[in-house]
Structures are given as structure tokens and as C-alpha cells.
Amino acid sequence: MTFYELSFKLQHDCPYSHFSKNHPSAVISHWCNWSRDVLEIFHRDLRSRRVQQEIREMFKSIDSKIIRTSRNISNLQVVIQHCACDKLPPPTLPTIEKRNCLNLQPMVYTDGWEWYHVVAFSQRDIKSLFRDLKHCKVEVTSRRSISEEFVHDNLLISTSSLLGDLTRKQTNALLIALDNGYYNLPRRATALEISKRLGIPRTSFVDHLRKAQNKVIQAVGPYARLHSAESGR
């Protein structure tokens, strides 16, 4: 049996999306289990009174009680007592589930877009889903077929298991290297060229990048061994 894994982004009238559009550097990650919602809000200026007021207004607009919060300099975690999915007009998550599609959490809101990653069980379900979402601006960012025997491999690898040990500086170094073509073949930029663009010593950039690479390779190792064993069957 063939399944379909796809990612798409959409825009519609949603308080979370509005906040991310007004604050392009913000990223909201949203987990839902229908009795509790958990949101993690990243913002470079969380200490700003204006930003804090807008966050309060955002939660007030969905009329759900906040039962717990925790924060550090740039991250705010919020637990909401009742699921707010059906209060976000129109309710995207119920639409996804109505069409027999499995939503892979978290949903992500950034730069005015909502990002979804789903698994569908037929082409017909995909067509029905996008027909139901025709009132939204929708862009499919990736789509592929996956076989039934590999579904568990595609669904159970979390970002925390692969990237959870990276520090912020190591994560930034890895992303900057990717964005500047450091890993392209042929390479578009050297470590020296990238460090000059950033205005930092080459040794500092390379140190963070190598530590990031080492941690990611060590984390990927067990999955690579599993893949090798399955390929050899």
C-alpha cells in the first residue's frame, strides 16, 4: 500500500498567523492533543512590553484559559486548558483530520504562514483536503510517496533526537553554512568567506560548525545503521 507524505503552507484569518506576520522574526510552534494545547513562541525581543501585550491579546482572541507559562530570554512556552483549534477560523486541523489525513505536529506559524506536515492515505483524500482549503492561500512545498513498510521510519524520528544537543551557536553555524552553499557541490563559499561575511574569526565559525556536524552525525548514526540493515535484507 502506498501513502503520501506532503508539506504545505497556507494563509488565512488566524491570530497566530497575524502575530507572526507582524513579527517576521517570530516562530510559533503549536502542539494539540484536543484537551490541551502547547505553544512555544520564539521572539528575539520577548522582553518588550509591546510584544508581551500583543501576545496577551493573541490568546485573549481565542478565548482559552492559560494554565501554565514558562520563559527564558527568547522563548515562551504556554499551555492552554482547552484546545483552540476549532476557534481559529476556519479550523484547519479538524479539516485535515476530516479528510483522513494524519497531521504530524507541531504546526508552525512564521512570517504570516502556517506550515503543516501530513500523511495522506490516498490521492482522493489529498484532493478533498485541498478542495476544503480552497478559501485559503495554499502552497505545497514537498510531496512524495512512501511505502507502508517504511511509515514508522518516517514518522518516529523527532527533531529533538537529531538536533536536541546542539547549542544555539552551533545551530546558527550549521544553518549559515547551509544558506551560504558551504555544503553544495561544488562549494559556493568557504569557511573563511562565510566568517568574513559574519565579521567573526574563521576559527570561531569553524569550531561551532565542526561541533554541530559531529553531534548531528553521531545522532544520525543509529538511523543509518538501521537503514543499512533494512537495505541488506
Protein backbone atom coordinates (compact mmCIF):
# COMPACT_ATOMS: atom_id res chain seq x y z
CA MET A 1 0.00 0.00 0.00
CA THR A 2 1.28 3.50 -0.86
CA PHE A 3 0.93 6.50 1.41
CA TYR A 4 1.69 10.13 0.66
CA GLU A 5 3.77 12.50 2.75
CA LEU A 6 3.35 16.16 2.00
CA SER A 7 4.17 19.55 3.44
CA PHE A 8 2.27 22.70 2.67
CA LYS A 9 1.85 26.21 3.94
CA LEU A 10 -1.28 28.33 3.98
CA GLN A 11 -2.58 31.74 4.90
CA HIS A 12 -5.95 32.51 6.42
CA ASP A 13 -7.53 34.52 9.22
CA CYS A 14 -5.71 33.23 12.30
CA PRO A 15 -4.38 35.12 15.36
CA TYR A 16 -1.17 33.08 15.41
CA SER A 17 -0.50 33.86 11.74
CA HIS A 18 -1.29 37.54 12.24
CA PHE A 19 1.22 37.74 15.08
CA SER A 20 3.94 36.03 13.02
CA LYS A 21 3.25 38.36 10.09
CA ASN A 22 3.61 41.43 12.33
CA HIS A 23 6.79 39.96 13.82
CA PRO A 24 8.81 38.33 10.99
CA SER A 25 11.49 37.06 13.39
CA ALA A 26 8.90 35.19 15.48
CA VAL A 27 8.24 31.45 15.22
CA ILE A 28 5.25 29.80 16.91
CA SER A 29 5.26 26.01 17.27
CA HIS A 30 1.87 24.51 18.15
CA TRP A 31 1.11 21.04 19.55
CA CYS A 32 -2.50 19.93 20.05
CA ASN A 33 -3.99 16.87 21.75
CA TRP A 34 -7.59 18.18 21.84
CA SER A 35 -7.64 18.65 25.62
CA ARG A 36 -4.51 20.77 25.91
CA ASP A 37 -2.62 23.00 23.51
CA VAL A 38 1.07 23.67 23.95
CA LEU A 39 2.66 26.61 22.18
CA GLU A 40 6.27 27.65 22.05
CA ILE A 41 6.86 31.21 20.91
CA PHE A 42 10.33 32.27 19.83
CA HIS A 43 10.92 36.01 19.57
CA ARG A 44 14.17 37.94 19.80
CA ASP A 45 12.51 40.70 21.79
CA LEU A 46 10.25 38.85 24.23
CA ARG A 47 11.08 41.35 26.96
CA SER A 48 9.42 44.14 25.00
CA ARG A 49 6.23 45.32 26.70
CA ARG A 50 4.61 45.84 23.29
CA VAL A 51 5.39 42.25 22.25
CA GLN A 52 4.11 40.89 25.56
CA GLN A 53 0.88 42.88 25.17
CA GLU A 54 0.35 41.55 21.65
CA ILE A 55 0.87 38.00 22.88
CA ARG A 56 -1.73 38.52 25.61
CA GLU A 57 -4.17 39.91 23.04
CA MET A 58 -3.50 36.96 20.75
CA PHE A 59 -4.50 34.45 23.44
CA LYS A 60 -7.44 36.58 24.52
CA SER A 61 -8.82 36.46 20.97
CA ILE A 62 -9.13 32.66 21.09
CA ASP A 63 -10.87 32.72 24.49
CA SER A 64 -8.87 29.89 26.06
CA LYS A 65 -7.52 29.82 29.59
CA ILE A 66 -3.76 29.74 30.06
CA ILE A 67 -2.87 27.26 32.80
CA ARG A 68 0.92 27.41 32.71
CA THR A 69 3.70 29.50 31.21
CA SER A 70 7.48 29.39 31.33
CA ARG A 71 10.03 31.57 29.59
CA ASN A 72 13.63 32.43 29.03
CA ILE A 73 15.16 35.33 27.14
CA SER A 74 13.76 34.44 23.70
CA ASN A 75 11.33 31.55 24.24
CA LEU A 76 7.89 31.44 25.82
CA GLN A 77 6.06 28.13 26.45
CA VAL A 78 2.32 28.29 27.03
CA VAL A 79 -0.12 25.51 27.96
CA ILE A 80 -3.78 26.26 27.15
CA GLN A 81 -6.53 24.50 29.07
CA HIS A 82 -8.82 23.80 26.12
CA CYS A 83 -7.90 23.08 22.54
CA ALA A 84 -8.26 26.22 20.43
CA CYS A 85 -8.19 24.55 17.01
CA ASP A 86 -11.92 24.96 16.44
CA LYS A 87 -11.67 28.63 17.46
CA LEU A 88 -9.20 29.53 14.71
CA PRO A 89 -11.41 30.49 11.76
CA PRO A 90 -11.63 28.37 9.69
CA PRO A 91 -10.44 25.33 11.67
CA THR A 92 -7.60 23.86 9.61
CA LEU A 93 -6.66 20.92 11.84
CA PRO A 94 -10.22 19.49 12.00
CA THR A 95 -10.33 19.82 8.21
CA ILE A 96 -7.14 17.79 7.87
CA GLU A 97 -8.46 15.04 10.14
CA LYS A 98 -11.88 15.02 8.45
CA ARG A 99 -10.14 14.03 5.21
CA ASN A 100 -8.43 11.01 6.84
CA CYS A 101 -5.03 12.71 6.87
CA LEU A 102 -2.60 12.37 9.75
CA ASN A 103 -1.20 15.69 10.90
CA LEU A 104 2.41 15.47 12.10
CA GLN A 105 2.90 18.01 14.86
CA PRO A 106 3.90 20.66 15.56
CA MET A 107 2.16 23.13 13.29
CA VAL A 108 4.44 26.12 12.74
CA TYR A 109 3.49 29.77 12.24
CA THR A 110 6.10 32.09 10.80
CA ASP A 111 6.17 35.20 8.60
CA GLY A 112 2.39 35.11 8.20
CA TRP A 113 2.27 31.47 7.02
CA GLU A 114 1.05 28.29 8.71
CA TRP A 115 3.16 25.22 7.95
CA TYR A 116 1.72 21.70 8.01
CA HIS A 117 3.27 18.27 7.54
CA VAL A 118 0.76 15.46 6.91
CA VAL A 119 0.47 11.86 5.78
CA ALA A 120 -2.44 11.00 3.47
CA PHE A 121 -3.68 7.53 2.66
CA SER A 122 -4.98 8.13 -0.86
CA GLN A 123 -4.82 10.62 -3.71
CA ARG A 124 -8.55 11.17 -3.27
CA ASP A 125 -8.04 12.31 0.34
CA ILE A 126 -5.43 14.83 -0.81
CA LYS A 127 -7.74 16.27 -3.45
CA SER A 128 -10.58 16.50 -0.94
CA LEU A 129 -8.34 18.20 1.61
CA PHE A 130 -7.19 20.92 -0.77
CA ARG A 131 -10.73 21.38 -2.04
CA ASP A 132 -11.81 22.05 1.56
CA LEU A 133 -8.94 24.53 1.92
CA LYS A 134 -9.78 26.46 -1.25
CA HIS A 135 -10.73 29.52 0.84
CA CYS A 136 -7.06 29.73 1.93
CA LYS A 137 -3.96 30.63 0.01
CA VAL A 138 -2.16 27.28 -0.12
CA GLU A 139 1.30 26.34 -1.43
CA VAL A 140 2.58 22.74 -1.45
CA THR A 141 6.27 22.74 -0.54
CA SER A 142 7.00 19.00 -0.81
CA ARG A 143 5.23 15.77 -1.70
CA ARG A 144 6.39 12.18 -2.01
CA SER A 145 5.09 8.62 -1.97
CA ILE A 146 6.11 6.36 0.91
CA SER A 147 5.60 2.62 1.19
CA GLU A 148 3.71 1.07 4.09
CA GLU A 149 6.73 -0.78 5.44
CA PHE A 150 8.68 2.43 5.94
CA VAL A 151 5.93 4.54 7.51
CA HIS A 152 7.28 4.00 11.03
CA ASP A 153 10.70 5.26 9.95
CA ASN A 154 9.21 8.44 8.52
CA LEU A 155 7.01 9.27 11.50
CA LEU A 156 9.07 8.46 14.58
CA ILE A 157 12.26 10.48 14.10
CA SER A 158 11.95 13.68 16.10
CA THR A 159 13.98 16.85 15.66
CA SER A 160 14.97 16.68 19.33
CA SER A 161 16.55 13.24 18.82
CA LEU A 162 18.64 14.59 15.93
CA LEU A 163 19.29 18.19 16.94
CA GLY A 164 18.49 18.43 20.64
CA ASP A 165 22.14 18.56 21.75
CA LEU A 166 23.07 21.50 19.53
CA THR A 167 23.70 24.84 21.19
CA ARG A 168 22.23 27.97 19.62
CA LYS A 169 25.63 28.99 18.23
CA GLN A 170 26.16 25.53 16.72
CA THR A 171 22.68 25.54 15.18
CA ASN A 172 23.25 29.00 13.72
CA ALA A 173 26.62 27.97 12.28
CA LEU A 174 25.05 24.94 10.61
CA LEU A 175 22.18 26.97 9.13
CA ILE A 176 24.51 29.74 7.94
CA ALA A 177 26.73 27.16 6.25
CA LEU A 178 23.71 25.65 4.50
CA ASP A 179 22.34 29.03 3.42
CA ASN A 180 25.70 30.13 2.02
CA GLY A 181 26.27 27.00 -0.05
CA TYR A 182 29.05 25.55 2.09
CA TYR A 183 27.70 22.04 1.50
CA ASN A 184 26.97 22.49 -2.20
CA LEU A 185 28.92 20.57 -4.81
CA PRO A 186 30.86 22.48 -5.94
CA ARG A 187 31.07 24.53 -2.74
CA ARG A 188 29.75 28.08 -3.18
CA ALA A 189 31.55 29.56 -0.18
CA THR A 190 34.45 28.58 2.06
CA ALA A 191 34.50 28.85 5.85
CA LEU A 192 36.82 31.86 5.54
CA GLU A 193 34.44 33.65 3.16
CA ILE A 194 31.45 32.99 5.40
CA SER A 195 33.26 34.13 8.54
CA LYS A 196 34.24 37.39 6.79
CA ARG A 197 30.58 37.99 5.87
CA LEU A 198 29.65 37.47 9.51
CA GLY A 199 32.51 39.61 10.80
CA ILE A 200 33.81 36.88 13.13
CA PRO A 201 37.11 34.94 13.28
CA ARG A 202 37.28 31.93 10.99
CA THR A 203 38.39 29.74 13.90
CA SER A 204 35.23 30.57 15.89
CA PHE A 205 32.89 29.79 12.98
CA VAL A 206 34.68 26.53 12.12
CA ASP A 207 34.71 25.44 15.78
CA HIS A 208 30.93 25.85 16.13
CA LEU A 209 30.32 24.24 12.72
CA ARG A 210 32.51 21.19 13.42
CA LYS A 211 30.89 20.61 16.79
CA ALA A 212 27.46 20.84 15.16
CA GLN A 213 28.46 18.42 12.41
CA ASN A 214 29.86 15.95 14.93
CA LYS A 215 26.69 15.98 17.04
CA VAL A 216 24.39 15.57 14.03
CA ILE A 217 26.45 12.69 12.58
CA GLN A 218 26.53 10.94 15.96
CA ALA A 219 22.75 11.31 16.27
CA VAL A 220 22.11 10.09 12.72
CA GLY A 221 24.41 7.07 13.21
CA PRO A 222 21.82 4.70 14.74
CA TYR A 223 19.30 5.51 11.98
CA ALA A 224 21.96 4.97 9.31
CA ARG A 225 22.76 1.57 10.81
CA LEU A 226 19.07 0.66 10.85
CA HIS A 227 18.70 1.75 7.23
CA SER A 228 21.77 -0.27 6.26
CA ALA A 229 20.38 -3.37 7.97
CA GLU A 230 16.99 -2.99 6.27
CA SER A 231 18.60 -2.39 2.88
CA GLY A 232 20.58 -5.57 3.25
CA ARG A 233 17.55 -7.79 3.81
